[in-house]
């Protein structure tokens, strides 16, 4: 799985870069929304477009944070486990996290299929674009978790 590391690194950097673009788009769109409201410009759908970028930002960051081990964890418990049990604990936690990520991934694919011909109100954004964010973010997360499980199992087995 060492061969996978350069791809995960590039993928993580790509997700962070895309997240930065999403954040910039959100800021610009919210400024446009405020200006439109204050100047009575009547620009509709700006907030809906900003919400699309917010959804993408959330899911893109989740995968990247997991790759760099910057995600939230319950350190109170994990820091008190004896050192020799740490890899086993890591495998168990990662398996549970993998299960949750697979549920999000499958749910995103199913929702994309269900709402394939639907659009958001006002500006007709295809609804599957919202769920594609979950598929991309959770898909990267699943790959990261599988790589982590492989590393930890290798460590446990020696």
Protein backbone atom coordinates (compact mmCIF):
# COMPACT_ATOMS: atom_id res chain seq x y z
CA UNK A 1 0.00 0.00 0.00
CA UNK A 2 3.04 2.28 0.05
CA UNK A 3 2.45 2.82 -3.66
CA UNK A 4 -0.86 4.42 -2.75
CA UNK A 5 0.69 7.15 -0.56
CA UNK A 6 1.68 9.58 -3.36
CA UNK A 7 -1.84 9.39 -4.76
CA UNK A 8 -3.41 9.92 -1.36
CA UNK A 9 -1.07 12.87 -0.75
CA UNK A 10 -1.98 14.46 -4.09
CA UNK A 11 -5.65 13.68 -3.52
CA UNK A 12 -5.53 15.30 -0.10
CA UNK A 13 -3.85 18.41 -1.48
CA UNK A 14 -6.42 18.49 -4.28
CA UNK A 15 -9.28 18.25 -1.79
CA UNK A 16 -7.81 21.08 0.29
CA UNK A 17 -7.37 23.22 -2.84
CA UNK A 18 -10.94 22.53 -3.95
CA UNK A 19 -12.11 23.33 -0.41
CA UNK A 20 -10.32 26.68 -0.56
CA UNK A 21 -12.03 27.45 -3.86
CA UNK A 22 -15.39 26.53 -2.29
CA UNK A 23 -14.72 28.79 0.68
CA UNK A 24 -13.77 31.69 -1.59
CA UNK A 25 -16.91 31.12 -3.69
CA UNK A 26 -19.06 31.12 -0.53
CA UNK A 27 -17.58 34.42 0.64
CA UNK A 28 -18.04 36.05 -2.77
CA UNK A 29 -21.58 34.72 -3.16
CA UNK A 30 -22.60 35.91 0.29
CA UNK A 31 -21.18 39.36 -0.43
CA UNK A 32 -23.16 39.40 -3.69
CA UNK A 33 -26.28 38.33 -1.81
CA UNK A 34 -25.87 41.12 0.74
CA UNK A 35 -25.19 43.70 -1.98
CA UNK A 36 -28.17 42.44 -3.97
CA UNK A 37 -30.46 42.73 -0.97
CA UNK A 38 -29.18 46.16 0.10
CA UNK A 39 -29.19 47.60 -3.42
CA UNK A 40 -32.44 45.90 -4.49
CA UNK A 41 -30.74 44.17 -7.44
CA UNK A 42 -33.04 41.18 -7.25
CA UNK A 43 -30.40 38.51 -7.88
CA UNK A 44 -32.14 35.25 -7.09
CA UNK A 45 -30.59 31.92 -6.25
CA UNK A 46 -27.31 33.27 -4.89
CA UNK A 47 -27.86 31.73 -1.48
CA UNK A 48 -28.78 28.35 -2.99
CA UNK A 49 -25.56 28.40 -4.99
CA UNK A 50 -23.60 29.29 -1.83
CA UNK A 51 -25.25 26.34 -0.05
CA UNK A 52 -24.08 24.02 -2.82
CA UNK A 53 -20.50 25.17 -2.21
CA UNK A 54 -20.99 24.73 1.56
CA UNK A 55 -22.02 21.10 1.07
CA UNK A 56 -18.99 20.49 -1.15
CA UNK A 57 -16.67 22.21 1.32
CA UNK A 58 -17.85 19.98 4.14
CA UNK A 59 -17.35 16.69 2.34
CA UNK A 60 -14.08 17.65 0.68
CA UNK A 61 -12.50 18.62 3.99
CA UNK A 62 -13.59 15.42 5.77
CA UNK A 63 -11.51 13.15 3.54
CA UNK A 64 -8.48 15.42 3.60
CA UNK A 65 -8.57 15.74 7.40
CA UNK A 66 -8.76 11.98 7.82
CA UNK A 67 -5.69 11.50 5.61
CA UNK A 68 -3.61 13.91 7.72
CA UNK A 69 -4.98 12.49 11.02
CA UNK A 70 -6.47 15.89 11.88
CA UNK A 71 -9.98 14.59 12.41
CA UNK A 72 -11.79 14.63 15.73
CA UNK A 73 -11.19 11.66 18.00
CA UNK A 74 -11.86 10.84 21.62
CA UNK A 75 -8.35 11.22 22.99
CA UNK A 76 -9.36 10.75 26.59
CA UNK A 77 -9.92 7.05 25.95
CA UNK A 78 -7.39 6.41 23.18
CA UNK A 79 -4.50 8.04 25.09
CA UNK A 80 -5.03 5.70 28.04
CA UNK A 81 -4.85 2.44 26.14
CA UNK A 82 -1.55 0.57 26.66
CA UNK A 83 0.91 1.08 23.81
CA UNK A 84 0.86 -2.53 22.67
CA UNK A 85 -2.94 -2.30 22.20
CA UNK A 86 -2.84 0.97 20.24
CA UNK A 87 -2.69 -0.65 16.77
CA UNK A 88 -5.60 -2.95 17.61
CA UNK A 89 -7.57 0.02 18.92
CA UNK A 90 -6.73 1.93 15.74
CA UNK A 91 -8.00 -0.95 13.58
CA UNK A 92 -11.25 -1.19 15.58
CA UNK A 93 -11.92 2.56 15.42
CA UNK A 94 -11.04 2.68 11.73
CA UNK A 95 -13.37 -0.27 10.97
CA UNK A 96 -16.27 1.55 12.63
CA UNK A 97 -15.35 4.75 10.78
CA UNK A 98 -15.06 2.82 7.52
CA UNK A 99 -18.56 1.40 8.03
CA UNK A 100 -19.94 4.93 8.53
CA UNK A 101 -18.07 6.25 5.49
CA UNK A 102 -19.40 3.40 3.32
CA UNK A 103 -22.95 4.20 4.51
CA UNK A 104 -22.49 7.85 3.46
CA UNK A 105 -20.95 6.80 0.15
CA UNK A 106 -23.71 4.32 -0.68
CA UNK A 107 -26.36 6.79 0.51
CA UNK A 108 -24.90 9.46 -1.75
CA UNK A 109 -24.94 7.14 -4.77
CA UNK A 110 -28.51 6.06 -4.02
CA UNK A 111 -29.65 9.68 -3.59
CA UNK A 112 -27.97 10.67 -6.86
CA UNK A 113 -29.90 7.87 -8.58
CA UNK A 114 -33.18 8.83 -6.89
CA UNK A 115 -32.93 12.54 -7.70
CA UNK A 116 -31.16 12.17 -11.06
CA UNK A 117 -33.69 14.35 -12.95
CA UNK A 118 -34.40 16.84 -10.13
CA UNK A 119 -33.18 20.41 -9.86
CA UNK A 120 -32.98 22.93 -7.03
CA UNK A 121 -35.50 25.76 -7.09
CA UNK A 122 -34.76 29.20 -8.52
CA UNK A 123 -31.58 28.45 -10.50
CA UNK A 124 -32.07 24.83 -11.55
CA UNK A 125 -28.93 23.30 -10.03
CA UNK A 126 -29.11 19.54 -10.59
CA UNK A 127 -29.78 17.93 -7.21
CA UNK A 128 -27.26 15.11 -7.88
CA UNK A 129 -24.49 17.75 -7.63
CA UNK A 130 -25.24 18.03 -3.93
CA UNK A 131 -24.93 14.27 -3.44
CA UNK A 132 -21.85 14.01 -5.64
CA UNK A 133 -20.01 15.90 -2.89
CA UNK A 134 -20.77 13.06 -0.48
CA UNK A 135 -19.65 10.49 -3.04
CA UNK A 136 -16.34 12.28 -3.69
CA UNK A 137 -15.58 13.05 -0.02
CA UNK A 138 -16.71 9.71 1.38
CA UNK A 139 -15.05 7.87 -1.50
CA UNK A 140 -11.69 9.41 -0.62
CA UNK A 141 -12.38 8.71 3.04
CA UNK A 142 -13.03 5.02 2.33
CA UNK A 143 -9.71 4.75 0.47
CA UNK A 144 -7.89 6.46 3.35
CA UNK A 145 -9.50 4.13 5.90
CA UNK A 146 -8.70 1.02 3.87
CA UNK A 147 -5.07 2.15 3.61
CA UNK A 148 -4.95 2.84 7.35
CA UNK A 149 -6.44 -0.57 8.16
CA UNK A 150 -3.83 -2.24 5.95
CA UNK A 151 -1.01 -0.34 7.73
CA UNK A 152 -2.33 -1.19 11.20
CA UNK A 153 -2.97 -4.84 10.45
CA UNK A 154 0.56 -5.10 9.04
CA UNK A 155 1.88 -3.52 12.25
CA UNK A 156 -0.14 -5.86 14.48
CA UNK A 157 0.92 -8.98 12.57
CA UNK A 158 4.52 -7.84 12.50
